[in-house]
Amino acid sequence: PPVGVSKACSSCVRTADVKEACTQCDQFVCQNCSRLCSCCNTVTCSLCSTVDYGDFGEQVLCNGCSIFQV
């Protein structure tokens, strides 16, 4: 991106840091909207992650890891 151009979060449209992007869809996501996958520790947005309410409490899983947690 050109210098001085800010990127907006894909969820809340706040300014997101350029290094904060969803590893699944590459959309920019701010720190408040980003989720960290409990399995592979990658940053994802709310659209590319699911919350598993299992026996071990609440776990955030990216789309890639959630298909293995059936």
PDB file of N, CA and C in Angstrom:
ATOM      1  N   PRO A   1       0.828  -1.204   0.000  1.00  0.00           N
ATOM      2  CA  PRO A   1       0.000   0.000   0.000  1.00  0.00           C
ATOM      3  C   PRO A   1       0.863   1.254   0.000  1.00  0.00           C
ATOM      4  N   PRO A   2       0.370   2.337  -0.556  1.00  0.00           N
ATOM      5  CA  PRO A   2       1.126   3.592  -0.552  1.00  0.00           C
ATOM      6  C   PRO A   2       1.363   4.087   0.871  1.00  0.00           C
ATOM      7  N   VAL A   3       2.451   4.808   1.056  1.00  0.00           N
ATOM      8  CA  VAL A   3       2.792   5.328   2.376  1.00  0.00           C
ATOM      9  C   VAL A   3       1.722   6.313   2.816  1.00  0.00           C
ATOM     10  N   GLY A   4       1.304   6.220   4.079  1.00  0.00           N
ATOM     11  CA  GLY A   4       0.319   7.138   4.627  1.00  0.00           C
ATOM     12  C   GLY A   4      -1.122   6.683   4.462  1.00  0.00           C
ATOM     13  N   VAL A   5      -1.349   5.584   3.754  1.00  0.00           N
ATOM     14  CA  VAL A   5      -2.701   5.072   3.576  1.00  0.00           C
ATOM     15  C   VAL A   5      -2.958   4.037   4.658  1.00  0.00           C
ATOM     16  N   SER A   6      -4.018   4.245   5.436  1.00  0.00           N
ATOM     17  CA  SER A   6      -4.325   3.306   6.504  1.00  0.00           C
ATOM     18  C   SER A   6      -5.264   2.224   5.984  1.00  0.00           C
ATOM     19  N   LYS A   7      -5.218   1.084   6.607  1.00  0.00           N
ATOM     20  CA  LYS A   7      -6.088  -0.024   6.249  1.00  0.00           C
ATOM     21  C   LYS A   7      -7.197  -0.105   7.287  1.00  0.00           C
ATOM     22  N   ALA A   8      -8.391  -0.416   6.851  1.00  0.00           N
ATOM     23  CA  ALA A   8      -9.531  -0.512   7.750  1.00  0.00           C
ATOM     24  C   ALA A   8      -9.805  -1.971   8.097  1.00  0.00           C
ATOM     25  N   CYS A   9     -10.234  -2.187   9.314  1.00  0.00           N
ATOM     26  CA  CYS A   9     -10.608  -3.512   9.777  1.00  0.00           C
ATOM     27  C   CYS A   9     -11.820  -3.988   8.986  1.00  0.00           C
ATOM     28  N   SER A  10     -11.816  -5.232   8.563  1.00  0.00           N
ATOM     29  CA  SER A  10     -12.924  -5.770   7.776  1.00  0.00           C
ATOM     30  C   SER A  10     -14.184  -5.970   8.610  1.00  0.00           C
ATOM     31  N   SER A  11     -14.061  -5.979   9.948  1.00  0.00           N
ATOM     32  CA  SER A  11     -15.222  -6.188  10.808  1.00  0.00           C
ATOM     33  C   SER A  11     -15.838  -4.885  11.304  1.00  0.00           C
ATOM     34  N   CYS A  12     -15.014  -4.004  11.868  1.00  0.00           N
ATOM     35  CA  CYS A  12     -15.560  -2.803  12.505  1.00  0.00           C
ATOM     36  C   CYS A  12     -15.179  -1.513  11.797  1.00  0.00           C
ATOM     37  N   VAL A  13     -14.366  -1.582  10.759  1.00  0.00           N
ATOM     38  CA  VAL A  13     -13.935  -0.465   9.920  1.00  0.00           C
ATOM     39  C   VAL A  13     -13.026   0.514  10.679  1.00  0.00           C
ATOM     40  N   ARG A  14     -12.525   0.130  11.831  1.00  0.00           N
ATOM     41  CA  ARG A  14     -11.505   0.938  12.506  1.00  0.00           C
ATOM     42  C   ARG A  14     -10.189   0.726  11.780  1.00  0.00           C
ATOM     43  N   THR A  15      -9.250   1.621  12.016  1.00  0.00           N
ATOM     44  CA  THR A  15      -7.940   1.486  11.400  1.00  0.00           C
ATOM     45  C   THR A  15      -7.231   0.262  11.972  1.00  0.00           C
ATOM     46  N   ALA A  16      -6.718  -0.560  11.098  1.00  0.00           N
ATOM     47  CA  ALA A  16      -5.984  -1.760  11.502  1.00  0.00           C
ATOM     48  C   ALA A  16      -4.527  -1.594  11.122  1.00  0.00           C
ATOM     49  N   ASP A  17      -3.654  -2.157  11.928  1.00  0.00           N
ATOM     50  CA  ASP A  17      -2.235  -2.144  11.618  1.00  0.00           C
ATOM     51  C   ASP A  17      -2.010  -3.014  10.376  1.00  0.00           C
ATOM     52  N   VAL A  18      -1.102  -2.616   9.526  1.00  0.00           N
ATOM     53  CA  VAL A  18      -0.858  -3.338   8.273  1.00  0.00           C
ATOM     54  C   VAL A  18      -0.441  -4.779   8.544  1.00  0.00           C
ATOM     55  N   LYS A  19       0.248  -5.041   9.645  1.00  0.00           N
ATOM     56  CA  LYS A  19       0.706  -6.400   9.933  1.00  0.00           C
ATOM     57  C   LYS A  19      -0.401  -7.285  10.503  1.00  0.00           C
ATOM     58  N   GLU A  20      -1.561  -6.693  10.832  1.00  0.00           N
ATOM     59  CA  GLU A  20      -2.663  -7.474  11.383  1.00  0.00           C
ATOM     60  C   GLU A  20      -3.624  -7.864  10.273  1.00  0.00           C
ATOM     61  N   ALA A  21      -3.481  -9.062   9.756  1.00  0.00           N
ATOM     62  CA  ALA A  21      -4.367  -9.557   8.706  1.00  0.00           C
ATOM     63  C   ALA A  21      -4.752 -10.988   9.035  1.00  0.00           C
ATOM     64  N   CYS A  22      -5.964 -11.340   8.654  1.00  0.00           N
ATOM     65  CA  CYS A  22      -6.450 -12.699   8.860  1.00  0.00           C
ATOM     66  C   CYS A  22      -5.623 -13.662   8.015  1.00  0.00           C
ATOM     67  N   THR A  23      -5.170 -14.738   8.619  1.00  0.00           N
ATOM     68  CA  THR A  23      -4.359 -15.710   7.894  1.00  0.00           C
ATOM     69  C   THR A  23      -5.194 -16.568   6.955  1.00  0.00           C
ATOM     70  N   GLN A  24      -6.510 -16.541   7.105  1.00  0.00           N
ATOM     71  CA  GLN A  24      -7.389 -17.340   6.256  1.00  0.00           C
ATOM     72  C   GLN A  24      -7.817 -16.578   4.997  1.00  0.00           C
ATOM     73  N   CYS A  25      -8.242 -15.313   5.154  1.00  0.00           N
ATOM     74  CA  CYS A  25      -8.788 -14.573   4.004  1.00  0.00           C
ATOM     75  C   CYS A  25      -7.977 -13.332   3.648  1.00  0.00           C
ATOM     76  N   ASP A  26      -6.926 -13.027   4.417  1.00  0.00           N
ATOM     77  CA  ASP A  26      -6.036 -11.889   4.175  1.00  0.00           C
ATOM     78  C   ASP A  26      -6.712 -10.529   4.334  1.00  0.00           C
ATOM     79  N   GLN A  27      -7.896 -10.479   4.924  1.00  0.00           N
ATOM     80  CA  GLN A  27      -8.544  -9.202   5.212  1.00  0.00           C
ATOM     81  C   GLN A  27      -7.872  -8.586   6.443  1.00  0.00           C
ATOM     82  N   PHE A  28      -7.776  -7.262   6.453  1.00  0.00           N
ATOM     83  CA  PHE A  28      -7.190  -6.595   7.606  1.00  0.00           C
ATOM     84  C   PHE A  28      -8.164  -6.648   8.773  1.00  0.00           C
ATOM     85  N   VAL A  29      -7.629  -6.829   9.962  1.00  0.00           N
ATOM     86  CA  VAL A  29      -8.445  -6.944  11.158  1.00  0.00           C
ATOM     87  C   VAL A  29      -7.732  -6.232  12.301  1.00  0.00           C
ATOM     88  N   CYS A  30      -8.475  -5.428  13.069  1.00  0.00           N
ATOM     89  CA  CYS A  30      -7.864  -4.695  14.182  1.00  0.00           C
ATOM     90  C   CYS A  30      -7.666  -5.640  15.371  1.00  0.00           C
ATOM     91  N   GLN A  31      -6.962  -5.156  16.368  1.00  0.00           N
ATOM     92  CA  GLN A  31      -6.649  -6.000  17.521  1.00  0.00           C
ATOM     93  C   GLN A  31      -7.909  -6.387  18.296  1.00  0.00           C
ATOM     94  N   ASN A  32      -8.924  -5.520  18.318  1.00  0.00           N
ATOM     95  CA  ASN A  32     -10.157  -5.827  19.041  1.00  0.00           C
ATOM     96  C   ASN A  32     -10.985  -6.910  18.358  1.00  0.00           C
ATOM     97  N   CYS A  33     -10.910  -6.996  17.047  1.00  0.00           N
ATOM     98  CA  CYS A  33     -11.719  -7.963  16.297  1.00  0.00           C
ATOM     99  C   CYS A  33     -10.975  -9.243  15.947  1.00  0.00           C
ATOM    100  N   SER A  34      -9.668  -9.255  16.119  1.00  0.00           N
ATOM    101  CA  SER A  34      -8.906 -10.449  15.748  1.00  0.00           C
ATOM    102  C   SER A  34      -9.113 -11.548  16.786  1.00  0.00           C
ATOM    103  N   ARG A  35      -9.018 -12.764  16.312  1.00  0.00           N
ATOM    104  CA  ARG A  35      -9.120 -13.937  17.189  1.00  0.00           C
ATOM    105  C   ARG A  35      -7.902 -14.805  16.963  1.00  0.00           C
ATOM    106  N   LEU A  36      -7.415 -15.404  18.021  1.00  0.00           N
ATOM    107  CA  LEU A  36      -6.249 -16.270  17.951  1.00  0.00           C
ATOM    108  C   LEU A  36      -6.711 -17.721  18.040  1.00  0.00           C
ATOM    109  N   CYS A  37      -6.377 -18.507  17.035  1.00  0.00           N
ATOM    110  CA  CYS A  37      -6.771 -19.914  17.010  1.00  0.00           C
ATOM    111  C   CYS A  37      -6.107 -20.658  18.168  1.00  0.00           C
ATOM    112  N   SER A  38      -6.907 -21.391  18.920  1.00  0.00           N
ATOM    113  CA  SER A  38      -6.391 -22.154  20.062  1.00  0.00           C
ATOM    114  C   SER A  38      -5.529 -23.322  19.628  1.00  0.00           C
ATOM    115  N   CYS A  39      -5.668 -23.758  18.398  1.00  0.00           N
ATOM    116  CA  CYS A  39      -4.938 -24.925  17.921  1.00  0.00           C
ATOM    117  C   CYS A  39      -3.599 -24.552  17.277  1.00  0.00           C
ATOM    118  N   CYS A  40      -3.628 -23.625  16.297  1.00  0.00           N
ATOM    119  CA  CYS A  40      -2.392 -23.317  15.550  1.00  0.00           C
ATOM    120  C   CYS A  40      -1.853 -21.913  15.830  1.00  0.00           C
ATOM    121  N   ASN A  41      -2.514 -21.150  16.706  1.00  0.00           N
ATOM    122  CA  ASN A  41      -2.064 -19.817  17.134  1.00  0.00           C
ATOM    123  C   ASN A  41      -1.944 -18.808  15.996  1.00  0.00           C
ATOM    124  N   THR A  42      -2.807 -18.898  14.973  1.00  0.00           N
ATOM    125  CA  THR A  42      -2.798 -17.912  13.904  1.00  0.00           C
ATOM    126  C   THR A  42      -3.918 -16.902  14.126  1.00  0.00           C
ATOM    127  N   VAL A  43      -3.739 -15.711  13.596  1.00  0.00           N
ATOM    128  CA  VAL A  43      -4.732 -14.641  13.721  1.00  0.00           C
ATOM    129  C   VAL A  43      -5.802 -14.826  12.656  1.00  0.00           C
ATOM    130  N   THR A  44      -7.065 -14.780  13.084  1.00  0.00           N
ATOM    131  CA  THR A  44      -8.177 -14.892  12.149  1.00  0.00           C
ATOM    132  C   THR A  44      -9.215 -13.823  12.453  1.00  0.00           C
ATOM    133  N   CYS A  45     -10.069 -13.553  11.468  1.00  0.00           N
ATOM    134  CA  CYS A  45     -11.181 -12.631  11.687  1.00  0.00           C
ATOM    135  C   CYS A  45     -12.391 -13.434  12.178  1.00  0.00           C
ATOM    136  N   SER A  46     -13.458 -12.739  12.522  1.00  0.00           N
ATOM    137  CA  SER A  46     -14.638 -13.423  13.055  1.00  0.00           C
ATOM    138  C   SER A  46     -15.323 -14.306  12.015  1.00  0.00           C
ATOM    139  N   LEU A  47     -15.184 -13.964  10.732  1.00  0.00           N
ATOM    140  CA  LEU A  47     -15.816 -14.763   9.681  1.00  0.00           C
ATOM    141  C   LEU A  47     -15.055 -16.053   9.391  1.00  0.00           C
ATOM    142  N   CYS A  48     -13.770 -16.068   9.692  1.00  0.00           N
ATOM    143  CA  CYS A  48     -12.933 -17.237   9.388  1.00  0.00           C
ATOM    144  C   CYS A  48     -12.621 -18.067  10.619  1.00  0.00           C
ATOM    145  N   SER A  49     -13.385 -17.900  11.675  1.00  0.00           N
ATOM    146  CA  SER A  49     -13.156 -18.689  12.881  1.00  0.00           C
ATOM    147  C   SER A  49     -14.484 -19.066  13.514  1.00  0.00           C
ATOM    148  N   THR A  50     -14.448 -20.112  14.287  1.00  0.00           N
ATOM    149  CA  THR A  50     -15.617 -20.561  15.024  1.00  0.00           C
ATOM    150  C   THR A  50     -15.223 -20.727  16.482  1.00  0.00           C
ATOM    151  N   VAL A  51     -16.214 -20.655  17.366  1.00  0.00           N
ATOM    152  CA  VAL A  51     -15.971 -20.854  18.787  1.00  0.00           C
ATOM    153  C   VAL A  51     -16.550 -22.202  19.171  1.00  0.00           C
ATOM    154  N   ASP A  52     -15.713 -23.053  19.734  1.00  0.00           N
ATOM    155  CA  ASP A  52     -16.119 -24.385  20.162  1.00  0.00           C
ATOM    156  C   ASP A  52     -16.382 -24.341  21.663  1.00  0.00           C
ATOM    157  N   TYR A  53     -17.620 -24.622  22.057  1.00  0.00           N
ATOM    158  CA  TYR A  53     -17.989 -24.644  23.471  1.00  0.00           C
ATOM    159  C   TYR A  53     -18.000 -26.088  23.942  1.00  0.00           C
ATOM    160  N   GLY A  54     -16.821 -26.665  24.076  1.00  0.00           N
ATOM    161  CA  GLY A  54     -16.698 -28.075  24.433  1.00  0.00           C
ATOM    162  C   GLY A  54     -16.512 -28.274  25.924  1.00  0.00           C
ATOM    163  N   ASP A  55     -16.057 -29.466  26.273  1.00  0.00           N
ATOM    164  CA  ASP A  55     -15.850 -29.850  27.665  1.00  0.00           C
ATOM    165  C   ASP A  55     -14.726 -29.056  28.324  1.00  0.00           C
ATOM    166  N   PHE A  56     -13.820 -28.512  27.518  1.00  0.00           N
ATOM    167  CA  PHE A  56     -12.665 -27.806  28.057  1.00  0.00           C
ATOM    168  C   PHE A  56     -12.871 -26.301  28.064  1.00  0.00           C
ATOM    169  N   GLY A  57     -14.096 -25.836  27.915  1.00  0.00           N
ATOM    170  CA  GLY A  57     -14.365 -24.411  27.879  1.00  0.00           C
ATOM    171  C   GLY A  57     -14.416 -23.889  26.454  1.00  0.00           C
ATOM    172  N   GLU A  58     -14.369 -22.599  26.341  1.00  0.00           N
ATOM    173  CA  GLU A  58     -14.486 -21.939  25.048  1.00  0.00           C
ATOM    174  C   GLU A  58     -13.156 -21.937  24.315  1.00  0.00           C
ATOM    175  N   GLN A  59     -13.159 -22.425  23.066  1.00  0.00           N
ATOM    176  CA  GLN A  59     -11.959 -22.444  22.247  1.00  0.00           C
ATOM    177  C   GLN A  59     -12.262 -21.799  20.898  1.00  0.00           C
ATOM    178  N   VAL A  60     -11.382 -20.923  20.458  1.00  0.00           N
ATOM    179  CA  VAL A  60     -11.492 -20.330  19.134  1.00  0.00           C
ATOM    180  C   VAL A  60     -10.698 -21.199  18.167  1.00  0.00           C
ATOM    181  N   LEU A  61     -11.321 -21.561  17.061  1.00  0.00           N
ATOM    182  CA  LEU A  61     -10.655 -22.380  16.050  1.00  0.00           C
ATOM    183  C   LEU A  61     -10.798 -21.724  14.685  1.00  0.00           C
ATOM    184  N   CYS A  62      -9.688 -21.633  13.951  1.00  0.00           N
ATOM    185  CA  CYS A  62      -9.759 -21.112  12.589  1.00  0.00           C
ATOM    186  C   CYS A  62     -10.467 -22.146  11.719  1.00  0.00           C
ATOM    187  N   ASN A  63     -10.903 -21.745  10.537  1.00  0.00           N
ATOM    188  CA  ASN A  63     -11.600 -22.667   9.641  1.00  0.00           C
ATOM    189  C   ASN A  63     -10.756 -23.882   9.294  1.00  0.00           C
ATOM    190  N   GLY A  64      -9.444 -23.692   9.183  1.00  0.00           N
ATOM    191  CA  GLY A  64      -8.568 -24.813   8.870  1.00  0.00           C
ATOM    192  C   GLY A  64      -8.514 -25.859   9.966  1.00  0.00           C
ATOM    193  N   CYS A  65      -8.484 -25.411  11.214  1.00  0.00           N
ATOM    194  CA  CYS A  65      -8.401 -26.360  12.339  1.00  0.00           C
ATOM    195  C   CYS A  65      -9.775 -26.894  12.738  1.00  0.00           C
ATOM    196  N   SER A  66     -10.831 -26.135  12.508  1.00  0.00           N
ATOM    197  CA  SER A  66     -12.161 -26.557  12.959  1.00  0.00           C
ATOM    198  C   SER A  66     -12.646 -27.813  12.235  1.00  0.00           C
ATOM    199  N   ILE A  67     -12.181 -28.059  11.013  1.00  0.00           N
ATOM    200  CA  ILE A  67     -12.630 -29.261  10.308  1.00  0.00           C
ATOM    201  C   ILE A  67     -12.047 -30.529  10.922  1.00  0.00           C
ATOM    202  N   PHE A  68     -10.978 -30.404  11.711  1.00  0.00           N
ATOM    203  CA  PHE A  68     -10.385 -31.565  12.374  1.00  0.00           C
ATOM    204  C   PHE A  68     -10.943 -31.784  13.761  1.00  0.00           C
ATOM    205  N   GLN A  69     -11.719 -30.835  14.273  1.00  0.00           N
ATOM    206  CA  GLN A  69     -12.265 -30.913  15.640  1.00  0.00           C
ATOM    207  C   GLN A  69     -13.731 -31.335  15.609  1.00  0.00           C
ATOM    208  N   VAL A  70     -14.011 -32.483  15.062  1.00  0.00           N
ATOM    209  CA  VAL A  70     -15.409 -32.936  14.938  1.00  0.00           C
ATOM    210  C   VAL A  70     -15.745 -33.855  16.083  1.00  0.00           C
TER     211      VAL A  70
END
